[in-house]
Protein backbone atom coordinates (compact mmCIF):
# COMPACT_ATOMS: atom_id res chain seq x y z
CA UNK A 1 -27.55 -53.89 3.37
CA UNK A 2 -24.81 -56.02 5.11
CA UNK A 3 -22.49 -54.51 7.63
CA UNK A 4 -18.74 -53.78 6.36
CA UNK A 5 -16.25 -56.47 7.24
CA UNK A 6 -13.45 -55.32 9.81
CA UNK A 7 -10.13 -56.76 8.76
CA UNK A 8 -7.98 -56.36 11.68
CA UNK A 9 -4.11 -56.62 11.83
CA UNK A 10 -2.35 -57.86 14.86
CA UNK A 11 1.11 -56.99 16.18
CA UNK A 12 3.31 -59.34 18.36
CA UNK A 13 1.55 -58.16 21.39
CA UNK A 14 -1.83 -59.37 20.20
CA UNK A 15 -4.90 -57.76 21.39
CA UNK A 16 -3.16 -55.29 23.55
CA UNK A 17 -1.64 -53.39 20.63
CA UNK A 18 -5.05 -52.75 18.82
CA UNK A 19 -6.42 -49.26 18.33
CA UNK A 20 -9.61 -48.37 20.29
CA UNK A 21 -11.79 -48.69 17.13
CA UNK A 22 -10.16 -52.08 16.36
CA UNK A 23 -10.96 -53.35 19.91
CA UNK A 24 -14.46 -52.04 19.60
CA UNK A 25 -15.04 -54.09 16.32
CA UNK A 26 -13.56 -57.00 17.81
CA UNK A 27 -15.71 -56.81 21.17
CA UNK A 28 -18.89 -56.55 19.05
CA UNK A 29 -18.02 -59.47 16.54
CA UNK A 30 -20.45 -62.17 15.94
CA UNK A 31 -18.38 -63.99 13.39
CA UNK A 32 -14.41 -64.09 13.80
CA UNK A 33 -12.17 -65.50 11.33
CA UNK A 34 -8.43 -66.11 11.41
CA UNK A 35 -5.56 -68.21 11.47
CA UNK A 36 -5.46 -70.56 14.74
CA UNK A 37 -2.49 -68.42 16.08
CA UNK A 38 -4.86 -65.34 15.84
CA UNK A 39 -8.01 -67.04 17.15
CA UNK A 40 -6.05 -68.29 20.40
CA UNK A 41 -5.47 -64.65 21.36
CA UNK A 42 -9.26 -63.96 21.50
CA UNK A 43 -11.41 -65.19 24.68
CA UNK A 44 -14.15 -67.28 23.67
CA UNK A 45 -17.01 -65.07 25.35
CA UNK A 46 -19.96 -64.12 23.27
CA UNK A 47 -18.63 -64.55 19.76
CA UNK A 48 -21.23 -66.84 17.96
CA UNK A 49 -19.15 -68.39 15.20
CA UNK A 50 -15.42 -68.75 14.73
CA UNK A 51 -13.71 -69.66 11.42
CA UNK A 52 -10.27 -71.15 11.38
CA UNK A 53 -8.40 -70.06 8.15
CA UNK A 54 -6.14 -72.85 6.88
CA UNK A 55 -6.35 -73.61 3.05
CA UNK A 56 -9.93 -72.66 2.74
CA UNK A 57 -9.97 -69.09 1.59
CA UNK A 58 -12.58 -69.72 -1.02
CA UNK A 59 -14.92 -71.01 1.71
CA UNK A 60 -14.08 -67.92 3.86
CA UNK A 61 -15.18 -65.65 1.03
CA UNK A 62 -18.28 -67.38 0.27
CA UNK A 63 -19.29 -67.14 4.09
CA UNK A 64 -18.35 -63.58 4.21
CA UNK A 65 -20.24 -62.90 0.82
CA UNK A 66 -23.41 -64.66 2.19
CA UNK A 67 -23.33 -62.73 5.73
CA UNK A 68 -26.81 -61.50 7.19
CA UNK A 69 -27.45 -57.80 7.49
CA UNK A 70 -27.07 -57.74 11.08
CA UNK A 71 -23.88 -59.89 11.40
CA UNK A 72 -20.72 -58.23 12.55
CA UNK A 73 -17.83 -59.96 10.89
CA UNK A 74 -14.14 -59.60 11.84
CA UNK A 75 -11.06 -61.17 10.05
CA UNK A 76 -7.87 -61.27 12.06
CA UNK A 77 -4.33 -61.11 10.26
CA UNK A 78 -0.76 -60.29 10.93
CA UNK A 79 0.37 -56.80 10.75
CA UNK A 80 -0.97 -54.92 7.64
CA UNK A 81 -3.64 -57.06 6.15
CA UNK A 82 -2.99 -55.49 2.67
CA UNK A 83 0.89 -56.17 2.72
CA UNK A 84 0.91 -59.70 1.16
CA UNK A 85 -2.00 -60.32 3.64
CA UNK A 86 -5.57 -61.81 3.56
CA UNK A 87 -6.70 -58.31 3.01
CA UNK A 88 -5.70 -58.26 -0.55
CA UNK A 89 -7.76 -61.62 -1.17
CA UNK A 90 -10.76 -60.36 0.47
CA UNK A 91 -10.48 -56.83 -1.45
CA UNK A 92 -10.11 -58.59 -4.86
CA UNK A 93 -13.13 -61.01 -3.92
CA UNK A 94 -15.61 -58.79 -2.06
CA UNK A 95 -14.57 -55.17 -3.29
CA UNK A 96 -12.97 -52.47 -1.23
CA UNK A 97 -16.44 -51.00 -0.18
CA UNK A 98 -17.01 -54.01 1.90
CA UNK A 99 -14.18 -53.66 3.98
CA UNK A 100 -12.76 -51.63 6.91
CA UNK A 101 -9.11 -52.23 7.50
CA UNK A 102 -7.22 -51.69 10.61
CA UNK A 103 -3.33 -52.33 10.15
CA UNK A 104 -0.78 -53.07 12.73
CA UNK A 105 2.90 -52.56 12.42
CA UNK A 106 3.96 -55.37 10.10
CA UNK A 107 7.23 -57.37 10.04
CA UNK A 108 8.50 -55.50 6.97
CA UNK A 109 8.27 -52.28 8.73
CA UNK A 110 9.93 -53.64 11.91
CA UNK A 111 12.46 -55.50 9.83
CA UNK A 112 13.95 -52.70 8.17
CA UNK A 113 13.60 -50.49 11.35
CA UNK A 114 15.87 -52.98 13.11
CA UNK A 115 18.46 -52.92 10.19
CA UNK A 116 18.24 -49.02 10.07
CA UNK A 117 17.57 -49.20 6.66
CA UNK A 118 14.79 -47.51 4.44
CA UNK A 119 12.26 -49.61 2.62
CA UNK A 120 10.67 -47.27 0.22
CA UNK A 121 13.34 -48.12 -2.31
CA UNK A 122 13.53 -51.98 -1.71
CA UNK A 123 12.11 -54.73 -3.87
CA UNK A 124 9.73 -56.40 -1.54
CA UNK A 125 8.09 -59.80 -2.29
CA UNK A 126 6.73 -62.94 -0.37
CA UNK A 127 7.48 -66.57 -0.96
CA UNK A 128 4.80 -67.52 1.63
CA UNK A 129 2.69 -70.10 -0.12
CA UNK A 130 4.11 -69.10 -3.59
CA UNK A 131 6.51 -70.78 -6.03
CA UNK A 132 9.87 -69.84 -4.67
CA UNK A 133 11.69 -69.47 -8.22
CA UNK A 134 8.90 -67.43 -9.71
CA UNK A 135 9.09 -64.91 -7.05
CA UNK A 136 12.99 -64.69 -6.67
CA UNK A 137 14.11 -64.74 -10.28
CA UNK A 138 12.94 -61.06 -10.72
CA UNK A 139 14.74 -60.00 -7.57
CA UNK A 140 18.10 -61.39 -8.58
CA UNK A 141 20.77 -58.60 -8.38
CA UNK A 142 18.37 -55.89 -6.76
CA UNK A 143 20.27 -53.62 -4.36
CA UNK A 144 17.86 -53.90 -1.47
CA UNK A 145 15.44 -56.80 -0.85
CA UNK A 146 12.67 -57.59 1.73
CA UNK A 147 11.18 -61.07 1.88
CA UNK A 148 8.10 -62.36 3.64
CA UNK A 149 9.16 -66.01 4.10
CA UNK A 150 7.46 -69.44 4.38
CA UNK A 151 9.25 -70.90 7.36
CA UNK A 152 12.50 -71.58 9.44
CA UNK A 153 14.05 -73.00 6.37
CA UNK A 154 13.37 -70.23 3.93
CA UNK A 155 16.50 -67.97 4.49
CA UNK A 156 18.78 -70.91 3.71
CA UNK A 157 16.56 -71.82 0.51
CA UNK A 158 16.82 -68.12 -0.64
CA UNK A 159 20.53 -67.96 -0.04
CA UNK A 160 21.10 -71.17 -2.04
CA UNK A 161 19.03 -69.76 -4.99
CA UNK A 162 20.99 -66.56 -5.06
CA UNK A 163 24.45 -68.35 -4.69
CA UNK A 164 23.77 -70.86 -7.60
CA UNK A 165 23.53 -67.99 -9.74
CA UNK A 166 26.67 -66.38 -8.75
CA UNK A 167 25.21 -63.68 -6.38
CA UNK A 168 27.55 -64.01 -3.31
CA UNK A 169 27.97 -60.26 -2.48
CA UNK A 170 24.79 -59.69 -0.19
CA UNK A 171 24.55 -58.93 3.38
CA UNK A 172 21.61 -60.67 5.06
CA UNK A 173 19.56 -60.06 8.12
CA UNK A 174 17.24 -62.75 9.52
CA UNK A 175 14.49 -61.01 11.55
CA UNK A 176 12.63 -63.62 14.02
CA UNK A 177 9.66 -63.02 16.15
CA UNK A 178 9.74 -59.30 15.52
CA UNK A 179 7.84 -57.12 17.88
CA UNK A 180 7.93 -60.02 20.74
CA UNK A 181 9.92 -60.58 23.87
CA UNK A 182 11.92 -63.23 21.92
CA UNK A 183 12.81 -61.10 19.00
CA UNK A 184 16.10 -61.76 17.39
CA UNK A 185 17.77 -60.12 14.42
CA UNK A 186 20.94 -62.01 13.03
CA UNK A 187 23.30 -60.31 10.57
CA UNK A 188 25.15 -62.70 8.38
CA UNK A 189 26.87 -62.84 5.01
CA UNK A 190 24.51 -64.56 2.47
CA UNK A 191 27.30 -67.38 2.31
CA UNK A 192 26.57 -68.21 5.84
CA UNK A 193 22.93 -69.05 5.40
CA UNK A 194 22.60 -72.38 3.71
CA UNK A 195 21.99 -75.29 6.18
CA UNK A 196 20.96 -72.87 8.86
CA UNK A 197 17.44 -73.24 10.27
CA UNK A 198 15.64 -70.26 12.07
CA UNK A 199 12.36 -69.57 13.89
CA UNK A 200 9.28 -70.10 11.85
CA UNK A 201 8.28 -66.49 11.96
CA UNK A 202 11.00 -64.54 10.33
CA UNK A 203 11.55 -61.75 7.69
CA UNK A 204 14.71 -61.68 5.70
CA UNK A 205 16.42 -58.53 4.51
CA UNK A 206 19.09 -58.73 1.70
CA UNK A 207 21.35 -55.71 0.79
CA UNK A 208 23.84 -55.80 -1.60
CA UNK A 209 27.28 -54.37 -1.01
CA UNK A 210 28.15 -50.97 -2.32
CA UNK A 211 31.63 -52.09 -3.71
CA UNK A 212 29.99 -54.81 -5.93
CA UNK A 213 31.45 -54.54 -9.48
CA UNK A 214 27.71 -54.84 -10.61
CA UNK A 215 26.24 -52.62 -8.18
CA UNK A 216 23.96 -49.64 -9.18
CA UNK A 217 26.72 -47.34 -9.06
CA UNK A 218 28.40 -49.09 -12.09
CA UNK A 219 25.62 -50.13 -14.38
CA UNK A 220 26.14 -53.53 -16.03
CA UNK A 221 26.53 -53.90 -19.83
CA UNK A 222 22.98 -55.52 -19.93
CA UNK A 223 22.09 -56.34 -23.53
CA UNK A 224 20.52 -59.45 -25.40
CA UNK A 225 22.83 -59.09 -28.36
CA UNK A 226 26.15 -57.42 -27.09
CA UNK A 227 29.07 -57.08 -29.47
CA UNK A 228 31.52 -59.98 -29.57
CA UNK A 229 34.36 -57.91 -28.19
CA UNK A 230 32.55 -57.06 -25.06
CA UNK A 231 32.60 -60.77 -23.78
CA UNK A 232 35.42 -62.24 -21.63
CA UNK A 233 37.30 -64.78 -23.65
CA UNK A 234 40.50 -66.66 -23.90
CA UNK A 235 43.74 -64.59 -25.39
CA UNK A 236 44.43 -67.66 -27.44
CA UNK A 237 42.96 -70.65 -28.61
CA UNK A 238 39.61 -71.53 -29.88
CA UNK A 239 36.74 -69.02 -28.89
CA UNK A 240 33.37 -70.63 -28.32
CA UNK A 241 31.11 -67.88 -29.03
CA UNK A 242 28.25 -67.44 -31.67
CA UNK A 243 28.92 -64.31 -33.58
CA UNK A 244 26.79 -61.34 -32.94
CA UNK A 245 24.78 -61.27 -36.34
CA UNK A 246 24.15 -65.01 -36.06
CA UNK A 247 23.14 -64.48 -32.32
CA UNK A 248 20.50 -61.78 -33.45
CA UNK A 249 18.78 -64.39 -35.68
CA UNK A 250 18.89 -67.19 -33.26
CA UNK A 251 17.36 -65.11 -30.42
CA UNK A 252 14.73 -64.05 -32.73
CA UNK A 253 13.80 -67.56 -33.15
CA UNK A 254 12.63 -67.79 -29.44
CA UNK A 255 9.06 -66.63 -29.55
CA UNK A 256 5.79 -67.93 -28.14
CA UNK A 257 7.35 -70.06 -25.60
CA UNK A 258 5.51 -72.12 -23.12
CA UNK A 259 5.99 -71.50 -19.30
CA UNK A 260 9.27 -73.21 -17.88
CA UNK A 261 12.93 -73.02 -17.97
CA UNK A 262 15.21 -72.48 -21.00
CA UNK A 263 18.34 -74.80 -21.72
CA UNK A 264 21.30 -73.91 -23.56
CA UNK A 265 23.44 -77.19 -24.13
CA UNK A 266 27.13 -76.59 -24.72
CA UNK A 267 27.03 -72.80 -23.75
CA UNK A 268 30.82 -71.95 -24.47
CA UNK A 269 31.29 -68.41 -23.49
CA UNK A 270 27.66 -67.93 -23.08
CA UNK A 271 26.66 -65.69 -26.17
CA UNK A 272 23.29 -67.28 -26.64
CA UNK A 273 22.77 -68.15 -23.14
CA UNK A 274 23.28 -64.53 -21.76
CA UNK A 275 21.07 -63.26 -24.54
CA UNK A 276 18.13 -65.60 -23.52
CA UNK A 277 18.63 -64.66 -19.93
CA UNK A 278 18.43 -60.88 -20.60
CA UNK A 279 15.72 -61.39 -23.28
CA UNK A 280 13.51 -63.58 -20.73
CA UNK A 281 14.46 -61.89 -17.37
CA UNK A 282 11.74 -63.60 -15.49
CA UNK A 283 12.64 -67.32 -16.58
CA UNK A 284 15.19 -69.53 -15.25
CA UNK A 285 17.88 -70.11 -18.01
CA UNK A 286 20.30 -72.97 -17.68
CA UNK A 287 23.60 -73.43 -19.50
CA UNK A 288 25.53 -76.57 -19.61
CA UNK A 289 29.34 -76.33 -20.22
CA UNK A 290 31.68 -79.14 -19.87
CA UNK A 291 35.12 -77.27 -20.30
CA UNK A 292 36.57 -75.80 -17.03
CA UNK A 293 38.22 -72.97 -19.15
CA UNK A 294 35.06 -72.03 -20.84
CA UNK A 295 33.23 -72.31 -17.48
CA UNK A 296 35.44 -69.61 -16.00
CA UNK A 297 34.73 -67.17 -18.95
CA UNK A 298 30.97 -68.07 -18.91
CA UNK A 299 30.65 -67.14 -15.13
CA UNK A 300 32.65 -63.90 -15.86
CA UNK A 301 30.32 -63.02 -18.67
CA UNK A 302 27.09 -63.76 -16.55
CA UNK A 303 28.64 -61.14 -14.09
CA UNK A 304 29.70 -58.79 -16.73
CA UNK A 305 26.17 -58.60 -18.35
CA UNK A 306 24.34 -58.93 -15.07
CA UNK A 307 22.38 -62.17 -16.38
CA UNK A 308 21.76 -63.52 -12.91
CA UNK A 309 18.72 -65.58 -13.84
CA UNK A 310 21.33 -67.62 -15.81
CA UNK A 311 22.16 -70.96 -13.98
CA UNK A 312 25.43 -72.48 -15.00
CA UNK A 313 25.99 -76.20 -14.59
CA UNK A 314 29.61 -77.93 -15.25
CA UNK A 315 29.03 -81.10 -16.92
CA UNK A 316 27.84 -82.79 -19.94
CA UNK A 317 24.34 -83.21 -21.46
CA UNK A 318 22.34 -85.21 -21.12
CA UNK A 319 23.76 -86.62 -17.93
CA UNK A 320 24.14 -83.13 -16.03
CA UNK A 321 20.39 -82.34 -16.57
CA UNK A 322 18.83 -85.70 -15.20
CA UNK A 323 17.24 -83.81 -12.09
CA UNK A 324 16.21 -80.81 -13.80
CA UNK A 325 12.49 -79.75 -14.41
CA UNK A 326 11.34 -80.12 -18.18
CA UNK A 327 12.33 -77.42 -20.23
CA UNK A 328 10.04 -75.14 -22.31
CA UNK A 329 12.71 -74.27 -24.81
CA UNK A 330 16.16 -75.79 -25.62
CA UNK A 331 19.05 -74.49 -27.57
CA UNK A 332 21.88 -76.61 -28.80
CA UNK A 333 24.98 -74.60 -29.99
CA UNK A 334 27.76 -77.35 -29.74
CA UNK A 335 27.04 -81.08 -29.23
CA UNK A 336 30.22 -82.41 -29.76
CA UNK A 337 30.12 -86.18 -30.23
CA UNK A 338 26.80 -86.25 -28.09
CA UNK A 339 24.33 -85.30 -30.82
CA UNK A 340 22.39 -88.49 -30.51
CA UNK A 341 22.02 -88.42 -26.78
CA UNK A 342 21.30 -84.73 -26.80
CA UNK A 343 18.29 -85.36 -29.35
CA UNK A 344 17.17 -88.31 -27.10
CA UNK A 345 16.98 -86.01 -24.26
CA UNK A 346 15.23 -83.32 -26.08
CA UNK A 347 12.65 -85.62 -27.60
CA UNK A 348 12.06 -87.01 -24.01
CA UNK A 349 11.95 -84.09 -21.83
CA UNK A 350 10.94 -81.05 -23.84
CA UNK A 351 7.31 -80.13 -22.80
CA UNK A 352 4.56 -80.51 -25.33
CA UNK A 353 4.71 -77.72 -27.83
CA UNK A 354 8.13 -76.83 -26.45
CA UNK A 355 10.63 -74.99 -28.66
CA UNK A 356 13.95 -76.46 -29.87
CA UNK A 357 16.77 -74.33 -31.74
CA UNK A 358 19.97 -75.64 -32.75
CA UNK A 359 22.99 -74.19 -34.83
CA UNK A 360 25.09 -76.51 -36.96
CA UNK A 361 28.14 -75.84 -39.03
CA UNK A 362 28.37 -79.55 -40.23
CA UNK A 363 26.05 -81.07 -42.88
CA UNK A 364 26.19 -84.50 -41.17
CA UNK A 365 24.85 -83.22 -37.92
CA UNK A 366 22.35 -80.96 -39.52
CA UNK A 367 21.01 -83.91 -41.67
CA UNK A 368 20.83 -86.17 -38.63
CA UNK A 369 18.87 -83.62 -36.67
CA UNK A 370 16.35 -83.10 -39.34
CA UNK A 371 15.98 -86.85 -39.91
CA UNK A 372 15.33 -87.70 -36.21
CA UNK A 373 12.99 -84.71 -35.57
CA UNK A 374 10.68 -85.71 -38.84
CA UNK A 375 10.74 -89.27 -37.72
CA UNK A 376 9.09 -88.07 -34.53
CA UNK A 377 6.27 -86.19 -36.40
CA UNK A 378 7.72 -82.73 -36.00
CA UNK A 379 7.96 -80.17 -38.90
CA UNK A 380 11.27 -78.46 -38.30
CA UNK A 381 12.44 -75.36 -40.35
CA UNK A 382 16.16 -74.65 -41.37
CA UNK A 383 17.86 -71.48 -42.37
CA UNK A 384 21.23 -71.16 -43.91
CA UNK A 385 22.92 -67.81 -42.77
CA UNK A 386 26.20 -66.74 -43.83
CA UNK A 387 27.50 -63.28 -42.76
CA UNK A 388 30.12 -61.39 -44.81
CA UNK A 389 31.36 -58.54 -42.65
CA UNK A 390 33.10 -55.45 -44.62
CA UNK A 391 36.76 -55.00 -44.18
CA UNK A 392 39.15 -52.48 -45.50
CA UNK A 393 41.44 -53.35 -48.41
CA UNK A 394 43.80 -50.62 -49.49
CA UNK A 395 41.13 -47.85 -48.98
CA UNK A 396 38.39 -50.01 -50.61
CA UNK A 397 35.56 -52.14 -48.99
CA UNK A 398 35.66 -55.73 -49.23
CA UNK A 399 33.59 -58.69 -47.78
CA UNK A 400 35.16 -61.53 -46.01
CA UNK A 401 32.49 -64.40 -45.63
CA UNK A 402 32.20 -66.09 -42.32
CA UNK A 403 31.55 -70.00 -42.13
CA UNK A 404 27.86 -70.59 -42.80
CA UNK A 405 25.53 -71.75 -40.15
CA UNK A 406 22.38 -73.53 -40.39
CA UNK A 407 19.75 -72.69 -37.94
CA UNK A 408 17.05 -75.37 -37.24
CA UNK A 409 13.78 -74.57 -35.38
CA UNK A 410 10.95 -76.97 -34.45
CA UNK A 411 8.16 -77.27 -31.97
CA UNK A 412 7.31 -80.54 -30.25
CA UNK A 413 3.93 -81.68 -31.26
CA UNK A 414 1.12 -81.36 -28.47
């Protein structure tokens, strides 16, 4: 039976900070793996084999799985190997019974200690080697966040991601070279982070201000289908809001969606866009609105309903979406005079088997859309919906019909 693999976490002081048990395991090692930075801390001496960890974790796992019964294997890591570290990969691949882990203080612990904040109640994540958007979207609006970063540009990139979604009420601490003689902790407002670069080894702490209107002390009105009167809207003039009953049916059409962002073209006050953002909180939802007046109310409604994964673009489709990743689903609630360019965009950019949903109140646009989709080999469905809310009339209940809406749903052929 093979000996257990020692997975040893190093602090900023390197070998000097190791426990006697960890030092003993390291001194007896015949196989030593770790990043180049870790390996450089260990004198060459009697270790028979060294393995530099880069993008070759599968090769390391295979080598450790095939280790001989008398080999003494040590893997070096930073801080706590089981906190977003290599220890997690080895545990999953080889099993807990094959490992002995010796952690050191990690940057997470040091960063929160330096900011004198608790971390048991923080949302902790890592963007090191991971897709930034998929990691950050679930954190949007969290009161306290700790982030293992990728490099010196990460704090700026994270700040831009949050600011783009209306979250400008965070205090930030960038903690560099923690535990070393060159340690530096820089407190900043999140607005001050973009375009700044920091040292490569850094940890980011974000804490939302307690006086934020959407802070935990005043829970937001989070709902996929809130009532019409809960939306911020102009006191006079046209109200570009899909009614609540219609929104319920429209949002029900969004099922079995492929991975990727969701677009709402012509978002108005954000009735459907906010519903989509709250219905799919782990997705990037993009709302396009050209009216400056509607845009202001859309931004306020995003804040009001804490739909922080809703990204708002001021512009006109399709031009405003030229640089956006291909969508998994598209909703069209208002096309204006741009129906054909919008349909061109959907037909060109929607991912295979992507979903298209649109509302129409005019027969001409409905007919044009069905014609275009069928010519492209789609099999769209259409539903007419007319809601008649009850109203009091001299003590009697009467029903006042709203304008009928046609809801088109189609899936792009694979």
